[in-house]
């Protein structure tokens, strides 16, 4: 997951530098009034999103598989804990009934 995040950040930074250069040279509009910095960041976000979507498809799939595996492990551990608690509860009830019959 960290690798995917860093790759995505790298694509954004590359787009940010490219957009900044285009705005600085006058090839892209400067925005309205004093909004130049915000304009550059928003334009870089809009450009980097589809690039990341296409370029990082395999890495995103790998990251999502790892997340699914973690969730499945957590679910299995939770179910094992529930079964263990149920077993202990059943054993306690059985002992309680046995003690009640011998009294």
PDB file of N, CA and C in Angstrom:
ATOM      1  N   UNK A   1       0.821  -1.183   0.000  1.00  0.00           N
ATOM      2  CA  UNK A   1       0.000   0.000   0.000  1.00  0.00           C
ATOM      3  C   UNK A   1       0.872   1.256   0.000  1.00  0.00           C
ATOM      4  N   UNK A   2       1.950   1.221   0.764  1.00  0.00           N
ATOM      5  CA  UNK A   2       2.855   2.360   0.810  1.00  0.00           C
ATOM      6  C   UNK A   2       3.477   2.596  -0.563  1.00  0.00           C
ATOM      7  N   UNK A   3       3.822   1.514  -1.237  1.00  0.00           N
ATOM      8  CA  UNK A   3       4.423   1.643  -2.572  1.00  0.00           C
ATOM      9  C   UNK A   3       3.457   2.320  -3.536  1.00  0.00           C
ATOM     10  N   UNK A   4       2.202   1.903  -3.522  1.00  0.00           N
ATOM     11  CA  UNK A   4       1.186   2.513  -4.387  1.00  0.00           C
ATOM     12  C   UNK A   4       1.024   3.992  -4.068  1.00  0.00           C
ATOM     13  N   UNK A   5       0.972   4.317  -2.787  1.00  0.00           N
ATOM     14  CA  UNK A   5       0.807   5.712  -2.371  1.00  0.00           C
ATOM     15  C   UNK A   5       1.982   6.557  -2.838  1.00  0.00           C
ATOM     16  N   UNK A   6       3.196   6.033  -2.676  1.00  0.00           N
ATOM     17  CA  UNK A   6       4.373   6.781  -3.105  1.00  0.00           C
ATOM     18  C   UNK A   6       4.412   6.946  -4.626  1.00  0.00           C
ATOM     19  N   UNK A   7       4.001   5.917  -5.351  1.00  0.00           N
ATOM     20  CA  UNK A   7       3.962   6.022  -6.812  1.00  0.00           C
ATOM     21  C   UNK A   7       2.924   7.059  -7.244  1.00  0.00           C
ATOM     22  N   UNK A   8       1.794   7.056  -6.592  1.00  0.00           N
ATOM     23  CA  UNK A   8       0.742   8.025  -6.910  1.00  0.00           C
ATOM     24  C   UNK A   8       1.207   9.443  -6.592  1.00  0.00           C
ATOM     25  N   UNK A   9       1.871   9.597  -5.471  1.00  0.00           N
ATOM     26  CA  UNK A   9       2.413  10.902  -5.102  1.00  0.00           C
ATOM     27  C   UNK A   9       3.461  11.364  -6.111  1.00  0.00           C
ATOM     28  N   UNK A  10       4.278  10.433  -6.586  1.00  0.00           N
ATOM     29  CA  UNK A  10       5.287  10.769  -7.587  1.00  0.00           C
ATOM     30  C   UNK A  10       4.660  11.256  -8.891  1.00  0.00           C
ATOM     31  N   UNK A  11       3.590  10.608  -9.304  1.00  0.00           N
ATOM     32  CA  UNK A  11       2.897  11.042 -10.518  1.00  0.00           C
ATOM     33  C   UNK A  11       2.315  12.442 -10.315  1.00  0.00           C
ATOM     34  N   UNK A  12       1.733  12.683  -9.140  1.00  0.00           N
ATOM     35  CA  UNK A  12       1.178  14.010  -8.859  1.00  0.00           C
ATOM     36  C   UNK A  12       2.267  15.077  -8.875  1.00  0.00           C
ATOM     37  N   UNK A  13       3.395  14.807  -8.233  1.00  0.00           N
ATOM     38  CA  UNK A  13       4.489  15.784  -8.194  1.00  0.00           C
ATOM     39  C   UNK A  13       5.011  16.053  -9.603  1.00  0.00           C
ATOM     40  N   UNK A  14       5.123  15.003 -10.408  1.00  0.00           N
ATOM     41  CA  UNK A  14       5.556  15.196 -11.794  1.00  0.00           C
ATOM     42  C   UNK A  14       4.584  16.080 -12.569  1.00  0.00           C
ATOM     43  N   UNK A  15       3.296  15.837 -12.378  1.00  0.00           N
ATOM     44  CA  UNK A  15       2.287  16.674 -13.036  1.00  0.00           C
ATOM     45  C   UNK A  15       2.321  18.094 -12.494  1.00  0.00           C
ATOM     46  N   UNK A  16       2.550  18.238 -11.203  1.00  0.00           N
ATOM     47  CA  UNK A  16       2.622  19.563 -10.596  1.00  0.00           C
ATOM     48  C   UNK A  16       3.769  20.369 -11.194  1.00  0.00           C
ATOM     49  N   UNK A  17       4.919  19.747 -11.334  1.00  0.00           N
ATOM     50  CA  UNK A  17       6.083  20.419 -11.919  1.00  0.00           C
ATOM     51  C   UNK A  17       5.803  20.778 -13.375  1.00  0.00           C
ATOM     52  N   UNK A  18       5.200  19.842 -14.116  1.00  0.00           N
ATOM     53  CA  UNK A  18       4.908  20.103 -15.531  1.00  0.00           C
ATOM     54  C   UNK A  18       3.902  21.241 -15.682  1.00  0.00           C
ATOM     55  N   UNK A  19       2.840  21.240 -14.897  1.00  0.00           N
ATOM     56  CA  UNK A  19       1.830  22.300 -14.982  1.00  0.00           C
ATOM     57  C   UNK A  19       2.430  23.636 -14.557  1.00  0.00           C
ATOM     58  N   UNK A  20       3.227  23.614 -13.498  1.00  0.00           N
ATOM     59  CA  UNK A  20       3.863  24.848 -13.055  1.00  0.00           C
ATOM     60  C   UNK A  20       4.735  25.432 -14.172  1.00  0.00           C
ATOM     61  N   UNK A  21       5.487  24.553 -14.846  1.00  0.00           N
ATOM     62  CA  UNK A  21       6.328  25.010 -15.950  1.00  0.00           C
ATOM     63  C   UNK A  21       5.498  25.574 -17.099  1.00  0.00           C
ATOM     64  N   UNK A  22       4.381  24.919 -17.424  1.00  0.00           N
ATOM     65  CA  UNK A  22       3.524  25.412 -18.500  1.00  0.00           C
ATOM     66  C   UNK A  22       2.893  26.761 -18.145  1.00  0.00           C
ATOM     67  N   UNK A  23       2.479  26.918 -16.903  1.00  0.00           N
ATOM     68  CA  UNK A  23       1.894  28.193 -16.471  1.00  0.00           C
ATOM     69  C   UNK A  23       2.959  29.280 -16.434  1.00  0.00           C
ATOM     70  N   UNK A  24       4.139  28.933 -15.970  1.00  0.00           N
ATOM     71  CA  UNK A  24       5.239  29.904 -15.864  1.00  0.00           C
ATOM     72  C   UNK A  24       5.660  30.417 -17.232  1.00  0.00           C
ATOM     73  N   UNK A  25       5.659  29.521 -18.226  1.00  0.00           N
ATOM     74  CA  UNK A  25       6.062  29.938 -19.574  1.00  0.00           C
ATOM     75  C   UNK A  25       4.925  30.585 -20.344  1.00  0.00           C
ATOM     76  N   UNK A  26       3.709  30.509 -19.831  1.00  0.00           N
ATOM     77  CA  UNK A  26       2.572  31.139 -20.490  1.00  0.00           C
ATOM     78  C   UNK A  26       1.830  30.219 -21.443  1.00  0.00           C
ATOM     79  N   UNK A  27       2.210  28.952 -21.505  1.00  0.00           N
ATOM     80  CA  UNK A  27       1.525  28.006 -22.383  1.00  0.00           C
ATOM     81  C   UNK A  27       0.190  27.540 -21.821  1.00  0.00           C
ATOM     82  N   UNK A  28       0.009  27.673 -20.517  1.00  0.00           N
ATOM     83  CA  UNK A  28      -1.260  27.351 -19.863  1.00  0.00           C
ATOM     84  C   UNK A  28      -1.741  28.611 -19.158  1.00  0.00           C
ATOM     85  N   UNK A  29      -3.054  28.783 -19.028  1.00  0.00           N
ATOM     86  CA  UNK A  29      -3.569  29.993 -18.375  1.00  0.00           C
ATOM     87  C   UNK A  29      -3.127  30.091 -16.917  1.00  0.00           C
ATOM     88  N   UNK A  30      -2.964  31.306 -16.446  1.00  0.00           N
ATOM     89  CA  UNK A  30      -2.465  31.562 -15.094  1.00  0.00           C
ATOM     90  C   UNK A  30      -3.560  31.492 -14.034  1.00  0.00           C
ATOM     91  N   UNK A  31      -4.803  31.356 -14.386  1.00  0.00           N
ATOM     92  CA  UNK A  31      -5.885  31.355 -13.406  1.00  0.00           C
ATOM     93  C   UNK A  31      -6.484  32.749 -13.296  1.00  0.00           C
ATOM     94  N   UNK A  32      -7.317  32.941 -12.309  1.00  0.00           N
ATOM     95  CA  UNK A  32      -7.976  34.231 -12.127  1.00  0.00           C
ATOM     96  C   UNK A  32      -7.350  34.986 -10.963  1.00  0.00           C
ATOM     97  N   UNK A  33      -6.917  36.174 -11.192  1.00  0.00           N
ATOM     98  CA  UNK A  33      -6.378  37.010 -10.128  1.00  0.00           C
ATOM     99  C   UNK A  33      -5.194  36.378  -9.422  1.00  0.00           C
ATOM    100  N   UNK A  34      -5.325  36.220  -8.098  1.00  0.00           N
ATOM    101  CA  UNK A  34      -4.240  35.668  -7.287  1.00  0.00           C
ATOM    102  C   UNK A  34      -4.368  34.159  -7.078  1.00  0.00           C
ATOM    103  N   UNK A  35      -5.157  33.477  -7.881  1.00  0.00           N
ATOM    104  CA  UNK A  35      -5.400  32.050  -7.683  1.00  0.00           C
ATOM    105  C   UNK A  35      -4.383  31.165  -8.395  1.00  0.00           C
ATOM    106  N   UNK A  36      -3.255  31.701  -8.769  1.00  0.00           N
ATOM    107  CA  UNK A  36      -2.275  30.959  -9.550  1.00  0.00           C
ATOM    108  C   UNK A  36      -1.831  29.661  -8.865  1.00  0.00           C
ATOM    109  N   UNK A  37      -1.484  29.711  -7.587  1.00  0.00           N
ATOM    110  CA  UNK A  37      -1.024  28.508  -6.880  1.00  0.00           C
ATOM    111  C   UNK A  37      -2.109  27.446  -6.788  1.00  0.00           C
ATOM    112  N   UNK A  38      -3.305  27.868  -6.444  1.00  0.00           N
ATOM    113  CA  UNK A  38      -4.424  26.936  -6.360  1.00  0.00           C
ATOM    114  C   UNK A  38      -4.736  26.353  -7.738  1.00  0.00           C
ATOM    115  N   UNK A  39      -4.682  27.182  -8.759  1.00  0.00           N
ATOM    116  CA  UNK A  39      -4.934  26.743 -10.132  1.00  0.00           C
ATOM    117  C   UNK A  39      -3.942  25.661 -10.545  1.00  0.00           C
ATOM    118  N   UNK A  40      -2.691  25.863 -10.240  1.00  0.00           N
ATOM    119  CA  UNK A  40      -1.655  24.891 -10.613  1.00  0.00           C
ATOM    120  C   UNK A  40      -1.899  23.558  -9.898  1.00  0.00           C
ATOM    121  N   UNK A  41      -2.214  23.601  -8.601  1.00  0.00           N
ATOM    122  CA  UNK A  41      -2.440  22.373  -7.832  1.00  0.00           C
ATOM    123  C   UNK A  41      -3.678  21.636  -8.344  1.00  0.00           C
ATOM    124  N   UNK A  42      -4.771  22.358  -8.562  1.00  0.00           N
ATOM    125  CA  UNK A  42      -5.998  21.715  -9.053  1.00  0.00           C
ATOM    126  C   UNK A  42      -5.803  21.121 -10.440  1.00  0.00           C
ATOM    127  N   UNK A  43      -5.143  21.836 -11.302  1.00  0.00           N
ATOM    128  CA  UNK A  43      -4.894  21.315 -12.645  1.00  0.00           C
ATOM    129  C   UNK A  43      -4.001  20.075 -12.588  1.00  0.00           C
ATOM    130  N   UNK A  44      -3.002  20.082 -11.721  1.00  0.00           N
ATOM    131  CA  UNK A  44      -2.133  18.912 -11.554  1.00  0.00           C
ATOM    132  C   UNK A  44      -2.927  17.721 -11.016  1.00  0.00           C
ATOM    133  N   UNK A  45      -3.855  17.963 -10.087  1.00  0.00           N
ATOM    134  CA  UNK A  45      -4.704  16.882  -9.570  1.00  0.00           C
ATOM    135  C   UNK A  45      -5.575  16.286 -10.669  1.00  0.00           C
ATOM    136  N   UNK A  46      -6.174  17.153 -11.466  1.00  0.00           N
ATOM    137  CA  UNK A  46      -7.059  16.692 -12.541  1.00  0.00           C
ATOM    138  C   UNK A  46      -6.279  15.897 -13.585  1.00  0.00           C
ATOM    139  N   UNK A  47      -5.068  16.289 -13.860  1.00  0.00           N
ATOM    140  CA  UNK A  47      -4.255  15.579 -14.862  1.00  0.00           C
ATOM    141  C   UNK A  47      -3.689  14.276 -14.291  1.00  0.00           C
ATOM    142  N   UNK A  48      -3.261  14.295 -13.029  1.00  0.00           N
ATOM    143  CA  UNK A  48      -2.611  13.107 -12.459  1.00  0.00           C
ATOM    144  C   UNK A  48      -3.596  11.984 -12.153  1.00  0.00           C
ATOM    145  N   UNK A  49      -4.859  12.293 -11.890  1.00  0.00           N
ATOM    146  CA  UNK A  49      -5.836  11.250 -11.535  1.00  0.00           C
ATOM    147  C   UNK A  49      -6.012  10.218 -12.642  1.00  0.00           C
ATOM    148  N   UNK A  50      -6.320  10.616 -13.885  1.00  0.00           N
ATOM    149  CA  UNK A  50      -6.473   9.580 -14.916  1.00  0.00           C
ATOM    150  C   UNK A  50      -5.160   8.876 -15.261  1.00  0.00           C
ATOM    151  N   UNK A  51      -4.053   9.593 -15.142  1.00  0.00           N
ATOM    152  CA  UNK A  51      -2.756   8.953 -15.396  1.00  0.00           C
ATOM    153  C   UNK A  51      -2.525   7.853 -14.366  1.00  0.00           C
ATOM    154  N   UNK A  52      -2.778   8.156 -13.106  1.00  0.00           N
ATOM    155  CA  UNK A  52      -2.619   7.157 -12.038  1.00  0.00           C
ATOM    156  C   UNK A  52      -3.563   5.985 -12.241  1.00  0.00           C
ATOM    157  N   UNK A  53      -4.768   6.286 -12.671  1.00  0.00           N
ATOM    158  CA  UNK A  53      -5.761   5.239 -12.885  1.00  0.00           C
ATOM    159  C   UNK A  53      -5.278   4.215 -13.913  1.00  0.00           C
ATOM    160  N   UNK A  54      -4.650   4.697 -14.963  1.00  0.00           N
ATOM    161  CA  UNK A  54      -4.189   3.806 -16.039  1.00  0.00           C
ATOM    162  C   UNK A  54      -2.834   3.181 -15.710  1.00  0.00           C
ATOM    163  N   UNK A  55      -1.895   4.000 -15.307  1.00  0.00           N
ATOM    164  CA  UNK A  55      -0.515   3.541 -15.121  1.00  0.00           C
ATOM    165  C   UNK A  55      -0.366   2.622 -13.905  1.00  0.00           C
ATOM    166  N   UNK A  56      -1.099   2.893 -12.850  1.00  0.00           N
ATOM    167  CA  UNK A  56      -0.920   2.140 -11.608  1.00  0.00           C
ATOM    168  C   UNK A  56      -1.965   1.046 -11.411  1.00  0.00           C
ATOM    169  N   UNK A  57      -2.599   0.612 -12.476  1.00  0.00           N
ATOM    170  CA  UNK A  57      -3.660  -0.399 -12.357  1.00  0.00           C
ATOM    171  C   UNK A  57      -3.165  -1.675 -11.680  1.00  0.00           C
ATOM    172  N   UNK A  58      -2.033  -2.211 -12.117  1.00  0.00           N
ATOM    173  CA  UNK A  58      -1.521  -3.468 -11.548  1.00  0.00           C
ATOM    174  C   UNK A  58      -1.135  -3.291 -10.077  1.00  0.00           C
ATOM    175  N   UNK A  59      -0.505  -2.180  -9.767  1.00  0.00           N
ATOM    176  CA  UNK A  59      -0.097  -1.933  -8.386  1.00  0.00           C
ATOM    177  C   UNK A  59      -1.326  -1.749  -7.489  1.00  0.00           C
ATOM    178  N   UNK A  60      -2.351  -1.089  -7.996  1.00  0.00           N
ATOM    179  CA  UNK A  60      -3.590  -0.903  -7.228  1.00  0.00           C
ATOM    180  C   UNK A  60      -4.262  -2.253  -6.979  1.00  0.00           C
ATOM    181  N   UNK A  61      -4.259  -3.128  -7.988  1.00  0.00           N
ATOM    182  CA  UNK A  61      -4.836  -4.466  -7.813  1.00  0.00           C
ATOM    183  C   UNK A  61      -4.067  -5.264  -6.761  1.00  0.00           C
ATOM    184  N   UNK A  62      -2.737  -5.162  -6.775  1.00  0.00           N
ATOM    185  CA  UNK A  62      -1.927  -5.857  -5.764  1.00  0.00           C
ATOM    186  C   UNK A  62      -2.241  -5.337  -4.371  1.00  0.00           C
ATOM    187  N   UNK A  63      -2.341  -4.025  -4.246  1.00  0.00           N
ATOM    188  CA  UNK A  63      -2.631  -3.426  -2.944  1.00  0.00           C
ATOM    189  C   UNK A  63      -4.008  -3.852  -2.449  1.00  0.00           C
ATOM    190  N   UNK A  64      -4.983  -3.896  -3.338  1.00  0.00           N
ATOM    191  CA  UNK A  64      -6.332  -4.285  -2.912  1.00  0.00           C
ATOM    192  C   UNK A  64      -6.369  -5.760  -2.523  1.00  0.00           C
ATOM    193  N   UNK A  65      -5.586  -6.608  -3.185  1.00  0.00           N
ATOM    194  CA  UNK A  65      -5.517  -8.025  -2.796  1.00  0.00           C
ATOM    195  C   UNK A  65      -4.946  -8.168  -1.394  1.00  0.00           C
ATOM    196  N   UNK A  66      -3.913  -7.370  -1.082  1.00  0.00           N
ATOM    197  CA  UNK A  66      -3.331  -7.422   0.259  1.00  0.00           C
ATOM    198  C   UNK A  66      -4.342  -6.973   1.305  1.00  0.00           C
ATOM    199  N   UNK A  67      -5.108  -5.959   0.989  1.00  0.00           N
ATOM    200  CA  UNK A  67      -6.120  -5.466   1.928  1.00  0.00           C
ATOM    201  C   UNK A  67      -7.188  -6.531   2.156  1.00  0.00           C
ATOM    202  N   UNK A  68      -7.621  -7.186   1.080  1.00  0.00           N
ATOM    203  CA  UNK A  68      -8.629  -8.241   1.205  1.00  0.00           C
ATOM    204  C   UNK A  68      -8.092  -9.378   2.062  1.00  0.00           C
ATOM    205  N   UNK A  69      -6.838  -9.746   1.885  1.00  0.00           N
ATOM    206  CA  UNK A  69      -6.239 -10.805   2.693  1.00  0.00           C
ATOM    207  C   UNK A  69      -6.210 -10.426   4.174  1.00  0.00           C
ATOM    208  N   UNK A  70      -5.866  -9.167   4.466  1.00  0.00           N
ATOM    209  CA  UNK A  70      -5.845  -8.711   5.859  1.00  0.00           C
ATOM    210  C   UNK A  70      -7.235  -8.756   6.469  1.00  0.00           C
ATOM    211  N   UNK A  71      -8.231  -8.312   5.706  1.00  0.00           N
ATOM    212  CA  UNK A  71      -9.604  -8.319   6.205  1.00  0.00           C
ATOM    213  C   UNK A  71     -10.069  -9.750   6.449  1.00  0.00           C
ATOM    214  N   UNK A  72      -9.746 -10.658   5.526  1.00  0.00           N
ATOM    215  CA  UNK A  72     -10.132 -12.063   5.703  1.00  0.00           C
ATOM    216  C   UNK A  72      -9.476 -12.669   6.941  1.00  0.00           C
ATOM    217  N   UNK A  73      -8.188 -12.348   7.174  1.00  0.00           N
ATOM    218  CA  UNK A  73      -7.508 -12.842   8.372  1.00  0.00           C
ATOM    219  C   UNK A  73      -8.163 -12.293   9.628  1.00  0.00           C
ATOM    220  N   UNK A  74      -8.498 -11.019   9.609  1.00  0.00           N
ATOM    221  CA  UNK A  74      -9.139 -10.408  10.781  1.00  0.00           C
ATOM    222  C   UNK A  74     -10.495 -11.053  11.042  1.00  0.00           C
ATOM    223  N   UNK A  75     -11.258 -11.320   9.977  1.00  0.00           N
ATOM    224  CA  UNK A  75     -12.554 -11.984  10.136  1.00  0.00           C
ATOM    225  C   UNK A  75     -12.377 -13.389  10.703  1.00  0.00           C
ATOM    226  N   UNK A  76     -11.384 -14.131  10.207  1.00  0.00           N
ATOM    227  CA  UNK A  76     -11.138 -15.487  10.698  1.00  0.00           C
ATOM    228  C   UNK A  76     -10.738 -15.454  12.171  1.00  0.00           C
ATOM    229  N   UNK A  77      -9.890 -14.501  12.555  1.00  0.00           N
ATOM    230  CA  UNK A  77      -9.488 -14.384  13.964  1.00  0.00           C
ATOM    231  C   UNK A  77     -10.682 -14.022  14.837  1.00  0.00           C
ATOM    232  N   UNK A  78     -11.533 -13.145  14.367  1.00  0.00           N
ATOM    233  CA  UNK A  78     -12.725 -12.763  15.131  1.00  0.00           C
ATOM    234  C   UNK A  78     -13.655 -13.954  15.294  1.00  0.00           C
ATOM    235  N   UNK A  79     -13.840 -14.718  14.229  1.00  0.00           N
ATOM    236  CA  UNK A  79     -14.704 -15.896  14.307  1.00  0.00           C
ATOM    237  C   UNK A  79     -14.122 -16.951  15.249  1.00  0.00           C
ATOM    238  N   UNK A  80     -12.799 -17.125  15.228  1.00  0.00           N
ATOM    239  CA  UNK A  80     -12.149 -18.064  16.139  1.00  0.00           C
ATOM    240  C   UNK A  80     -12.347 -17.624  17.588  1.00  0.00           C
ATOM    241  N   UNK A  81     -12.233 -16.330  17.835  1.00  0.00           N
ATOM    242  CA  UNK A  81     -12.458 -15.819  19.201  1.00  0.00           C
ATOM    243  C   UNK A  81     -13.901 -16.035  19.632  1.00  0.00           C
ATOM    244  N   UNK A  82     -14.829 -15.809  18.725  1.00  0.00           N
ATOM    245  CA  UNK A  82     -16.240 -16.042  19.062  1.00  0.00           C
ATOM    246  C   UNK A  82     -16.493 -17.504  19.396  1.00  0.00           C
ATOM    247  N   UNK A  83     -15.936 -18.392  18.565  1.00  0.00           N
ATOM    248  CA  UNK A  83     -16.116 -19.828  18.817  1.00  0.00           C
ATOM    249  C   UNK A  83     -15.495 -20.238  20.146  1.00  0.00           C
ATOM    250  N   UNK A  84     -14.344 -19.669  20.464  1.00  0.00           N
ATOM    251  CA  UNK A  84     -13.674 -19.977  21.729  1.00  0.00           C
ATOM    252  C   UNK A  84     -14.528 -19.498  22.897  1.00  0.00           C
ATOM    253  N   UNK A  85     -15.079 -18.291  22.774  1.00  0.00           N
ATOM    254  CA  UNK A  85     -15.945 -17.777  23.844  1.00  0.00           C
ATOM    255  C   UNK A  85     -17.208 -18.613  23.976  1.00  0.00           C
ATOM    256  N   UNK A  86     -17.794 -19.002  22.840  1.00  0.00           N
ATOM    257  CA  UNK A  86     -18.994 -19.842  22.877  1.00  0.00           C
ATOM    258  C   UNK A  86     -18.694 -21.179  23.547  1.00  0.00           C
ATOM    259  N   UNK A  87     -17.553 -21.754  23.232  1.00  0.00           N
ATOM    260  CA  UNK A  87     -17.173 -23.030  23.841  1.00  0.00           C
ATOM    261  C   UNK A  87     -16.980 -22.898  25.338  1.00  0.00           C
ATOM    262  N   UNK A  88     -16.342 -21.826  25.772  1.00  0.00           N
ATOM    263  CA  UNK A  88     -16.133 -21.608  27.206  1.00  0.00           C
ATOM    264  C   UNK A  88     -17.469 -21.373  27.905  1.00  0.00           C
ATOM    265  N   UNK A  89     -18.362 -20.641  27.258  1.00  0.00           N
ATOM    266  CA  UNK A  89     -19.687 -20.383  27.838  1.00  0.00           C
ATOM    267  C   UNK A  89     -20.483 -21.684  27.958  1.00  0.00           C
ATOM    268  N   UNK A  90     -20.451 -22.491  26.912  1.00  0.00           N
ATOM    269  CA  UNK A  90     -21.164 -23.777  26.948  1.00  0.00           C
ATOM    270  C   UNK A  90     -20.607 -24.682  28.040  1.00  0.00           C
ATOM    271  N   UNK A  91     -19.270 -24.699  28.178  1.00  0.00           N
ATOM    272  CA  UNK A  91     -18.651 -25.536  29.214  1.00  0.00           C
ATOM    273  C   UNK A  91     -19.046 -25.052  30.601  1.00  0.00           C
ATOM    274  N   UNK A  92     -19.099 -23.750  30.790  1.00  0.00           N
ATOM    275  CA  UNK A  92     -19.490 -23.206  32.097  1.00  0.00           C
ATOM    276  C   UNK A  92     -20.943 -23.548  32.405  1.00  0.00           C
ATOM    277  N   UNK A  93     -21.806 -23.466  31.416  1.00  0.00           N
ATOM    278  CA  UNK A  93     -23.210 -23.812  31.640  1.00  0.00           C
ATOM    279  C   UNK A  93     -23.364 -25.296  31.966  1.00  0.00           C
ATOM    280  N   UNK A  94     -22.605 -26.138  31.278  1.00  0.00           N
ATOM    281  CA  UNK A  94     -22.661 -27.575  31.529  1.00  0.00           C
ATOM    282  C   UNK A  94     -22.194 -27.877  32.950  1.00  0.00           C
ATOM    283  N   UNK A  95     -21.112 -27.239  33.380  1.00  0.00           N
ATOM    284  CA  UNK A  95     -20.615 -27.432  34.744  1.00  0.00           C
ATOM    285  C   UNK A  95     -21.640 -26.935  35.758  1.00  0.00           C
ATOM    286  N   UNK A  96     -22.274 -25.802  35.448  1.00  0.00           N
ATOM    287  CA  UNK A  96     -23.290 -25.254  36.357  1.00  0.00           C
ATOM    288  C   UNK A  96     -24.475 -26.196  36.499  1.00  0.00           C
ATOM    289  N   UNK A  97     -24.901 -26.793  35.409  1.00  0.00           N
ATOM    290  CA  UNK A  97     -26.017 -27.745  35.467  1.00  0.00           C
ATOM    291  C   UNK A  97     -25.621 -28.994  36.244  1.00  0.00           C
ATOM    292  N   UNK A  98     -24.394 -29.472  36.011  1.00  0.00           N
ATOM    293  CA  UNK A  98     -23.918 -30.666  36.705  1.00  0.00           C
ATOM    294  C   UNK A  98     -23.816 -30.419  38.206  1.00  0.00           C
ATOM    295  N   UNK A  99     -23.359 -29.242  38.581  1.00  0.00           N
ATOM    296  CA  UNK A  99     -23.252 -28.914  40.019  1.00  0.00           C
ATOM    297  C   UNK A  99     -24.651 -28.751  40.621  1.00  0.00           C
ATOM    298  N   UNK A 100     -25.585 -28.227  39.862  1.00  0.00           N
ATOM    299  CA  UNK A 100     -26.950 -28.046  40.360  1.00  0.00           C
ATOM    300  C   UNK A 100     -27.644 -29.384  40.582  1.00  0.00           C
ATOM    301  N   UNK A 101     -27.309 -30.382  39.784  1.00  0.00           N
ATOM    302  CA  UNK A 101     -27.943 -31.687  39.940  1.00  0.00           C
ATOM    303  C   UNK A 101     -27.365 -32.466  41.117  1.00  0.00           C
ATOM    304  N   UNK A 102     -26.102 -32.236  41.443  1.00  0.00           N
ATOM    305  CA  UNK A 102     -25.478 -32.970  42.539  1.00  0.00           C
ATOM    306  C   UNK A 102     -25.796 -32.355  43.884  1.00  0.00           C
ATOM    307  N   UNK A 103     -26.293 -31.138  43.909  1.00  0.00           N
ATOM    308  CA  UNK A 103     -26.596 -30.480  45.207  1.00  0.00           C
ATOM    309  C   UNK A 103     -27.859 -30.991  45.812  1.00  0.00           C
TER     310      UNK A 103
END
